[in-house]
């Protein structure tokens, strides 16, 4: 996963491995946050499937854009898989 920020004429790119972002600890945090906003049950098995699918998608679609936000000031945040 790559996070790219362009602001005020500067560009900052940060490569972040999926294994750092999605692990057992963050899965528990995600599960707690999802319980607040989603009315159905979401188990650890579902998160495991989600992680596997993200890793598979990264192999099949290496530059898939997840987030692309542009402001009127010319600032941009781009997150690719």
PDB file of N, CA and C in Angstrom:
ATOM      1  N   UNK A   1       0.850  -1.158   0.000  1.00  0.00           N
ATOM      2  CA  UNK A   1       0.000   0.000   0.000  1.00  0.00           C
ATOM      3  C   UNK A   1       0.902   1.229   0.000  1.00  0.00           C
ATOM      4  N   UNK A   2       0.517   2.220  -0.771  1.00  0.00           N
ATOM      5  CA  UNK A   2       1.270   3.470  -0.810  1.00  0.00           C
ATOM      6  C   UNK A   2       0.347   4.630  -0.471  1.00  0.00           C
ATOM      7  N   UNK A   3       0.854   5.512   0.356  1.00  0.00           N
ATOM      8  CA  UNK A   3       0.136   6.729   0.712  1.00  0.00           C
ATOM      9  C   UNK A   3       0.935   7.888   0.146  1.00  0.00           C
ATOM     10  N   UNK A   4       0.279   8.676  -0.694  1.00  0.00           N
ATOM     11  CA  UNK A   4       0.951   9.800  -1.346  1.00  0.00           C
ATOM     12  C   UNK A   4       0.188  11.076  -1.029  1.00  0.00           C
ATOM     13  N   UNK A   5       0.910  12.096  -0.533  1.00  0.00           N
ATOM     14  CA  UNK A   5       0.306  13.373  -0.183  1.00  0.00           C
ATOM     15  C   UNK A   5       1.023  14.467  -0.961  1.00  0.00           C
ATOM     16  N   UNK A   6       0.253  15.281  -1.657  1.00  0.00           N
ATOM     17  CA  UNK A   6       0.798  16.427  -2.384  1.00  0.00           C
ATOM     18  C   UNK A   6       0.162  17.683  -1.800  1.00  0.00           C
ATOM     19  N   UNK A   7       1.002  18.581  -1.271  1.00  0.00           N
ATOM     20  CA  UNK A   7       0.489  19.816  -0.680  1.00  0.00           C
ATOM     21  C   UNK A   7       1.550  20.901  -0.781  1.00  0.00           C
ATOM     22  N   UNK A   8       1.126  22.091  -1.133  1.00  0.00           N
ATOM     23  CA  UNK A   8       1.988  23.275  -1.189  1.00  0.00           C
ATOM     24  C   UNK A   8       3.250  23.044  -2.009  1.00  0.00           C
ATOM     25  N   UNK A   9       3.120  22.352  -3.124  1.00  0.00           N
ATOM     26  CA  UNK A   9       4.257  22.140  -4.002  1.00  0.00           C
ATOM     27  C   UNK A   9       5.191  21.024  -3.567  1.00  0.00           C
ATOM     28  N   UNK A  10       4.884  20.340  -2.506  1.00  0.00           N
ATOM     29  CA  UNK A  10       5.702  19.232  -2.023  1.00  0.00           C
ATOM     30  C   UNK A  10       4.941  17.929  -2.198  1.00  0.00           C
ATOM     31  N   UNK A  11       5.696  16.857  -2.382  1.00  0.00           N
ATOM     32  CA  UNK A  11       5.107  15.537  -2.542  1.00  0.00           C
ATOM     33  C   UNK A  11       5.746  14.586  -1.538  1.00  0.00           C
ATOM     34  N   UNK A  12       4.926  13.847  -0.808  1.00  0.00           N
ATOM     35  CA  UNK A  12       5.398  12.917   0.196  1.00  0.00           C
ATOM     36  C   UNK A  12       4.767  11.563  -0.091  1.00  0.00           C
ATOM     37  N   UNK A  13       5.592  10.550  -0.313  1.00  0.00           N
ATOM     38  CA  UNK A  13       5.100   9.198  -0.583  1.00  0.00           C
ATOM     39  C   UNK A  13       5.608   8.261   0.503  1.00  0.00           C
ATOM     40  N   UNK A  14       4.707   7.432   1.014  1.00  0.00           N
ATOM     41  CA  UNK A  14       5.045   6.517   2.102  1.00  0.00           C
ATOM     42  C   UNK A  14       4.579   5.111   1.747  1.00  0.00           C
ATOM     43  N   UNK A  15       5.498   4.175   1.498  1.00  0.00           N
ATOM     44  CA  UNK A  15       5.088   2.788   1.275  1.00  0.00           C
ATOM     45  C   UNK A  15       4.836   2.098   2.623  1.00  0.00           C
ATOM     46  N   UNK A  16       3.685   1.454   2.751  1.00  0.00           N
ATOM     47  CA  UNK A  16       3.316   0.793   3.999  1.00  0.00           C
ATOM     48  C   UNK A  16       2.901  -0.643   3.681  1.00  0.00           C
ATOM     49  N   UNK A  17       3.580  -1.640   4.236  1.00  0.00           N
ATOM     50  CA  UNK A  17       3.190  -3.035   4.003  1.00  0.00           C
ATOM     51  C   UNK A  17       1.836  -3.350   4.649  1.00  0.00           C
ATOM     52  N   UNK A  18       1.030  -4.160   3.976  1.00  0.00           N
ATOM     53  CA  UNK A  18      -0.271  -4.544   4.511  1.00  0.00           C
ATOM     54  C   UNK A  18      -0.151  -5.296   5.830  1.00  0.00           C
ATOM     55  N   UNK A  19       0.924  -6.058   5.996  1.00  0.00           N
ATOM     56  CA  UNK A  19       1.084  -6.837   7.227  1.00  0.00           C
ATOM     57  C   UNK A  19       1.269  -5.946   8.445  1.00  0.00           C
ATOM     58  N   UNK A  20       1.771  -4.733   8.251  1.00  0.00           N
ATOM     59  CA  UNK A  20       1.910  -3.794   9.373  1.00  0.00           C
ATOM     60  C   UNK A  20       0.566  -3.169   9.716  1.00  0.00           C
ATOM     61  N   UNK A  21      -0.209  -2.854   8.691  1.00  0.00           N
ATOM     62  CA  UNK A  21      -1.494  -2.208   8.911  1.00  0.00           C
ATOM     63  C   UNK A  21      -2.521  -3.176   9.473  1.00  0.00           C
ATOM     64  N   UNK A  22      -2.590  -4.361   8.895  1.00  0.00           N
ATOM     65  CA  UNK A  22      -3.622  -5.313   9.293  1.00  0.00           C
ATOM     66  C   UNK A  22      -2.957  -6.507   9.960  1.00  0.00           C
ATOM     67  N   UNK A  23      -3.034  -6.540  11.278  1.00  0.00           N
ATOM     68  CA  UNK A  23      -2.525  -7.656  12.059  1.00  0.00           C
ATOM     69  C   UNK A  23      -3.538  -7.958  13.164  1.00  0.00           C
ATOM     70  N   UNK A  24      -3.201  -8.811  14.105  1.00  0.00           N
ATOM     71  CA  UNK A  24      -4.143  -9.195  15.151  1.00  0.00           C
ATOM     72  C   UNK A  24      -4.610  -8.030  15.995  1.00  0.00           C
ATOM     73  N   UNK A  25      -3.703  -7.142  16.340  1.00  0.00           N
ATOM     74  CA  UNK A  25      -4.057  -5.989  17.182  1.00  0.00           C
ATOM     75  C   UNK A  25      -5.005  -5.039  16.466  1.00  0.00           C
ATOM     76  N   UNK A  26      -4.657  -4.685  15.240  1.00  0.00           N
ATOM     77  CA  UNK A  26      -5.525  -3.767  14.501  1.00  0.00           C
ATOM     78  C   UNK A  26      -6.849  -4.428  14.133  1.00  0.00           C
ATOM     79  N   UNK A  27      -6.855  -5.754  13.966  1.00  0.00           N
ATOM     80  CA  UNK A  27      -8.109  -6.459  13.681  1.00  0.00           C
ATOM     81  C   UNK A  27      -9.078  -6.309  14.849  1.00  0.00           C
ATOM     82  N   UNK A  28      -8.559  -6.381  16.075  1.00  0.00           N
ATOM     83  CA  UNK A  28      -9.425  -6.188  17.252  1.00  0.00           C
ATOM     84  C   UNK A  28      -9.967  -4.766  17.307  1.00  0.00           C
ATOM     85  N   UNK A  29      -9.139  -3.790  16.975  1.00  0.00           N
ATOM     86  CA  UNK A  29      -9.592  -2.391  16.970  1.00  0.00           C
ATOM     87  C   UNK A  29     -10.651  -2.189  15.889  1.00  0.00           C
ATOM     88  N   UNK A  30     -10.430  -2.768  14.721  1.00  0.00           N
ATOM     89  CA  UNK A  30     -11.398  -2.656  13.634  1.00  0.00           C
ATOM     90  C   UNK A  30     -12.719  -3.290  14.043  1.00  0.00           C
ATOM     91  N   UNK A  31     -12.654  -4.430  14.698  1.00  0.00           N
ATOM     92  CA  UNK A  31     -13.864  -5.124  15.137  1.00  0.00           C
ATOM     93  C   UNK A  31     -14.657  -4.267  16.123  1.00  0.00           C
ATOM     94  N   UNK A  32     -13.977  -3.608  17.051  1.00  0.00           N
ATOM     95  CA  UNK A  32     -14.638  -2.739  18.025  1.00  0.00           C
ATOM     96  C   UNK A  32     -15.280  -1.546  17.329  1.00  0.00           C
ATOM     97  N   UNK A  33     -14.562  -0.951  16.400  1.00  0.00           N
ATOM     98  CA  UNK A  33     -15.100   0.216  15.676  1.00  0.00           C
ATOM     99  C   UNK A  33     -16.291  -0.167  14.808  1.00  0.00           C
ATOM    100  N   UNK A  34     -16.231  -1.329  14.191  1.00  0.00           N
ATOM    101  CA  UNK A  34     -17.335  -1.759  13.334  1.00  0.00           C
ATOM    102  C   UNK A  34     -18.596  -1.993  14.163  1.00  0.00           C
ATOM    103  N   UNK A  35     -18.442  -2.523  15.368  1.00  0.00           N
ATOM    104  CA  UNK A  35     -19.606  -2.766  16.235  1.00  0.00           C
ATOM    105  C   UNK A  35     -20.370  -1.481  16.535  1.00  0.00           C
ATOM    106  N   UNK A  36     -19.663  -0.358  16.597  1.00  0.00           N
ATOM    107  CA  UNK A  36     -20.314   0.925  16.888  1.00  0.00           C
ATOM    108  C   UNK A  36     -21.225   1.373  15.760  1.00  0.00           C
ATOM    109  N   UNK A  37     -20.832   1.126  14.510  1.00  0.00           N
ATOM    110  CA  UNK A  37     -21.512   1.726  13.374  1.00  0.00           C
ATOM    111  C   UNK A  37     -22.291   0.749  12.492  1.00  0.00           C
ATOM    112  N   UNK A  38     -22.079  -0.540  12.661  1.00  0.00           N
ATOM    113  CA  UNK A  38     -22.735  -1.521  11.802  1.00  0.00           C
ATOM    114  C   UNK A  38     -23.691  -2.358  12.646  1.00  0.00           C
ATOM    115  N   UNK A  39     -24.935  -2.509  12.208  1.00  0.00           N
ATOM    116  CA  UNK A  39     -25.930  -3.201  13.036  1.00  0.00           C
ATOM    117  C   UNK A  39     -25.824  -4.722  13.038  1.00  0.00           C
ATOM    118  N   UNK A  40     -24.933  -5.329  12.264  1.00  0.00           N
ATOM    119  CA  UNK A  40     -24.833  -6.786  12.255  1.00  0.00           C
ATOM    120  C   UNK A  40     -23.516  -7.252  12.862  1.00  0.00           C
ATOM    121  N   UNK A  41     -23.464  -8.525  13.182  1.00  0.00           N
ATOM    122  CA  UNK A  41     -22.287  -9.113  13.825  1.00  0.00           C
ATOM    123  C   UNK A  41     -21.156  -9.290  12.813  1.00  0.00           C
ATOM    124  N   UNK A  42     -19.940  -9.031  13.247  1.00  0.00           N
ATOM    125  CA  UNK A  42     -18.749  -9.127  12.409  1.00  0.00           C
ATOM    126  C   UNK A  42     -17.704  -9.880  13.208  1.00  0.00           C
ATOM    127  N   UNK A  43     -17.389 -11.111  12.815  1.00  0.00           N
ATOM    128  CA  UNK A  43     -16.479 -11.944  13.603  1.00  0.00           C
ATOM    129  C   UNK A  43     -15.037 -11.816  13.125  1.00  0.00           C
ATOM    130  N   UNK A  44     -14.149 -12.411  13.895  1.00  0.00           N
ATOM    131  CA  UNK A  44     -12.729 -12.419  13.532  1.00  0.00           C
ATOM    132  C   UNK A  44     -12.482 -13.192  12.249  1.00  0.00           C
ATOM    133  N   UNK A  45     -13.326 -14.191  11.974  1.00  0.00           N
ATOM    134  CA  UNK A  45     -13.186 -14.956  10.735  1.00  0.00           C
ATOM    135  C   UNK A  45     -13.452 -14.068   9.523  1.00  0.00           C
ATOM    136  N   UNK A  46     -14.413 -13.171   9.660  1.00  0.00           N
ATOM    137  CA  UNK A  46     -14.710 -12.250   8.568  1.00  0.00           C
ATOM    138  C   UNK A  46     -13.520 -11.329   8.309  1.00  0.00           C
ATOM    139  N   UNK A  47     -12.879 -10.856   9.365  1.00  0.00           N
ATOM    140  CA  UNK A  47     -11.698  -9.993   9.200  1.00  0.00           C
ATOM    141  C   UNK A  47     -10.556 -10.750   8.546  1.00  0.00           C
ATOM    142  N   UNK A  48     -10.404 -12.014   8.913  1.00  0.00           N
ATOM    143  CA  UNK A  48      -9.358 -12.836   8.308  1.00  0.00           C
ATOM    144  C   UNK A  48      -9.592 -12.984   6.805  1.00  0.00           C
ATOM    145  N   UNK A  49     -10.837 -13.199   6.414  1.00  0.00           N
ATOM    146  CA  UNK A  49     -11.175 -13.297   4.997  1.00  0.00           C
ATOM    147  C   UNK A  49     -10.894 -11.967   4.299  1.00  0.00           C
ATOM    148  N   UNK A  50     -11.229 -10.861   4.953  1.00  0.00           N
ATOM    149  CA  UNK A  50     -10.978  -9.535   4.384  1.00  0.00           C
ATOM    150  C   UNK A  50      -9.488  -9.312   4.139  1.00  0.00           C
ATOM    151  N   UNK A  51      -8.653  -9.682   5.103  1.00  0.00           N
ATOM    152  CA  UNK A  51      -7.205  -9.515   4.967  1.00  0.00           C
ATOM    153  C   UNK A  51      -6.675 -10.364   3.811  1.00  0.00           C
ATOM    154  N   UNK A  52      -7.124 -11.610   3.723  1.00  0.00           N
ATOM    155  CA  UNK A  52      -6.671 -12.483   2.637  1.00  0.00           C
ATOM    156  C   UNK A  52      -7.072 -11.917   1.277  1.00  0.00           C
ATOM    157  N   UNK A  53      -8.282 -11.377   1.193  1.00  0.00           N
ATOM    158  CA  UNK A  53      -8.743 -10.817  -0.079  1.00  0.00           C
ATOM    159  C   UNK A  53      -7.971  -9.548  -0.449  1.00  0.00           C
ATOM    160  N   UNK A  54      -7.627  -8.733   0.548  1.00  0.00           N
ATOM    161  CA  UNK A  54      -6.812  -7.545   0.268  1.00  0.00           C
ATOM    162  C   UNK A  54      -5.431  -7.936  -0.266  1.00  0.00           C
ATOM    163  N   UNK A  55      -4.842  -8.958   0.327  1.00  0.00           N
ATOM    164  CA  UNK A  55      -3.528  -9.408  -0.135  1.00  0.00           C
ATOM    165  C   UNK A  55      -3.616  -9.995  -1.542  1.00  0.00           C
ATOM    166  N   UNK A  56      -4.700 -10.722  -1.815  1.00  0.00           N
ATOM    167  CA  UNK A  56      -4.878 -11.286  -3.150  1.00  0.00           C
ATOM    168  C   UNK A  56      -5.136 -10.182  -4.178  1.00  0.00           C
ATOM    169  N   UNK A  57      -5.918  -9.183  -3.787  1.00  0.00           N
ATOM    170  CA  UNK A  57      -6.193  -8.063  -4.681  1.00  0.00           C
ATOM    171  C   UNK A  57      -4.914  -7.289  -4.990  1.00  0.00           C
ATOM    172  N   UNK A  58      -4.018  -7.206  -4.003  1.00  0.00           N
ATOM    173  CA  UNK A  58      -2.755  -6.500  -4.227  1.00  0.00           C
ATOM    174  C   UNK A  58      -1.926  -7.204  -5.299  1.00  0.00           C
ATOM    175  N   UNK A  59      -1.991  -8.538  -5.333  1.00  0.00           N
ATOM    176  CA  UNK A  59      -1.258  -9.281  -6.360  1.00  0.00           C
ATOM    177  C   UNK A  59      -1.895  -9.101  -7.735  1.00  0.00           C
ATOM    178  N   UNK A  60      -3.238  -9.136  -7.784  1.00  0.00           N
ATOM    179  CA  UNK A  60      -3.931  -9.050  -9.062  1.00  0.00           C
ATOM    180  C   UNK A  60      -4.023  -7.618  -9.598  1.00  0.00           C
ATOM    181  N   UNK A  61      -4.169  -6.643  -8.706  1.00  0.00           N
ATOM    182  CA  UNK A  61      -4.311  -5.241  -9.082  1.00  0.00           C
ATOM    183  C   UNK A  61      -3.319  -4.403  -8.284  1.00  0.00           C
ATOM    184  N   UNK A  62      -2.042  -4.391  -8.663  1.00  0.00           N
ATOM    185  CA  UNK A  62      -1.011  -3.766  -7.829  1.00  0.00           C
ATOM    186  C   UNK A  62      -1.149  -2.254  -7.642  1.00  0.00           C
ATOM    187  N   UNK A  63      -1.769  -1.554  -8.553  1.00  0.00           N
ATOM    188  CA  UNK A  63      -1.893  -0.103  -8.427  1.00  0.00           C
ATOM    189  C   UNK A  63      -3.345   0.329  -8.280  1.00  0.00           C
ATOM    190  N   UNK A  64      -4.154  -0.473  -7.631  1.00  0.00           N
ATOM    191  CA  UNK A  64      -5.567  -0.166  -7.444  1.00  0.00           C
ATOM    192  C   UNK A  64      -5.715   1.038  -6.522  1.00  0.00           C
ATOM    193  N   UNK A  65      -6.448   2.050  -6.964  1.00  0.00           N
ATOM    194  CA  UNK A  65      -6.642   3.267  -6.171  1.00  0.00           C
ATOM    195  C   UNK A  65      -7.779   3.030  -5.175  1.00  0.00           C
ATOM    196  N   UNK A  66      -7.474   3.176  -3.880  1.00  0.00           N
ATOM    197  CA  UNK A  66      -8.475   3.032  -2.830  1.00  0.00           C
ATOM    198  C   UNK A  66      -9.088   4.373  -2.455  1.00  0.00           C
ATOM    199  N   UNK A  67      -8.247   5.396  -2.347  1.00  0.00           N
ATOM    200  CA  UNK A  67      -8.703   6.736  -1.981  1.00  0.00           C
ATOM    201  C   UNK A  67      -7.984   7.744  -2.865  1.00  0.00           C
ATOM    202  N   UNK A  68      -8.741   8.681  -3.419  1.00  0.00           N
ATOM    203  CA  UNK A  68      -8.169   9.770  -4.209  1.00  0.00           C
ATOM    204  C   UNK A  68      -8.967  11.024  -3.893  1.00  0.00           C
ATOM    205  N   UNK A  69      -8.398  11.884  -3.045  1.00  0.00           N
ATOM    206  CA  UNK A  69      -9.085  13.097  -2.599  1.00  0.00           C
ATOM    207  C   UNK A  69      -8.300  14.309  -3.065  1.00  0.00           C
ATOM    208  N   UNK A  70      -8.998  15.234  -3.733  1.00  0.00           N
ATOM    209  CA  UNK A  70      -8.382  16.472  -4.192  1.00  0.00           C
ATOM    210  C   UNK A  70      -9.172  17.638  -3.612  1.00  0.00           C
ATOM    211  N   UNK A  71      -8.455  18.652  -3.137  1.00  0.00           N
ATOM    212  CA  UNK A  71      -9.120  19.840  -2.619  1.00  0.00           C
ATOM    213  C   UNK A  71      -9.067  20.946  -3.647  1.00  0.00           C
ATOM    214  N   UNK A  72      -9.824  21.998  -3.402  1.00  0.00           N
ATOM    215  CA  UNK A  72      -9.814  23.134  -4.322  1.00  0.00           C
ATOM    216  C   UNK A  72      -8.498  23.900  -4.263  1.00  0.00           C
ATOM    217  N   UNK A  73      -7.730  23.706  -3.193  1.00  0.00           N
ATOM    218  CA  UNK A  73      -6.424  24.367  -3.048  1.00  0.00           C
ATOM    219  C   UNK A  73      -5.315  23.645  -3.806  1.00  0.00           C
ATOM    220  N   UNK A  74      -5.626  22.506  -4.401  1.00  0.00           N
ATOM    221  CA  UNK A  74      -4.625  21.751  -5.131  1.00  0.00           C
ATOM    222  C   UNK A  74      -3.949  20.671  -4.304  1.00  0.00           C
ATOM    223  N   UNK A  75      -4.378  20.462  -3.092  1.00  0.00           N
ATOM    224  CA  UNK A  75      -3.814  19.409  -2.254  1.00  0.00           C
ATOM    225  C   UNK A  75      -4.461  18.087  -2.648  1.00  0.00           C
ATOM    226  N   UNK A  76      -3.681  17.014  -2.474  1.00  0.00           N
ATOM    227  CA  UNK A  76      -4.182  15.696  -2.898  1.00  0.00           C
ATOM    228  C   UNK A  76      -3.677  14.612  -1.968  1.00  0.00           C
ATOM    229  N   UNK A  77      -4.540  13.658  -1.677  1.00  0.00           N
ATOM    230  CA  UNK A  77      -4.171  12.455  -0.932  1.00  0.00           C
ATOM    231  C   UNK A  77      -4.566  11.264  -1.799  1.00  0.00           C
ATOM    232  N   UNK A  78      -3.610  10.389  -2.059  1.00  0.00           N
ATOM    233  CA  UNK A  78      -3.824   9.233  -2.900  1.00  0.00           C
ATOM    234  C   UNK A  78      -3.344   7.993  -2.152  1.00  0.00           C
ATOM    235  N   UNK A  79      -4.226   7.026  -1.995  1.00  0.00           N
ATOM    236  CA  UNK A  79      -3.860   5.767  -1.347  1.00  0.00           C
ATOM    237  C   UNK A  79      -4.114   4.662  -2.353  1.00  0.00           C
ATOM    238  N   UNK A  80      -3.049   3.930  -2.702  1.00  0.00           N
ATOM    239  CA  UNK A  80      -3.158   2.830  -3.646  1.00  0.00           C
ATOM    240  C   UNK A  80      -2.787   1.526  -2.954  1.00  0.00           C
ATOM    241  N   UNK A  81      -3.320   0.440  -3.463  1.00  0.00           N
ATOM    242  CA  UNK A  81      -3.077  -0.859  -2.869  1.00  0.00           C
ATOM    243  C   UNK A  81      -1.736  -1.382  -3.321  1.00  0.00           C
TER     244      UNK A  81
END
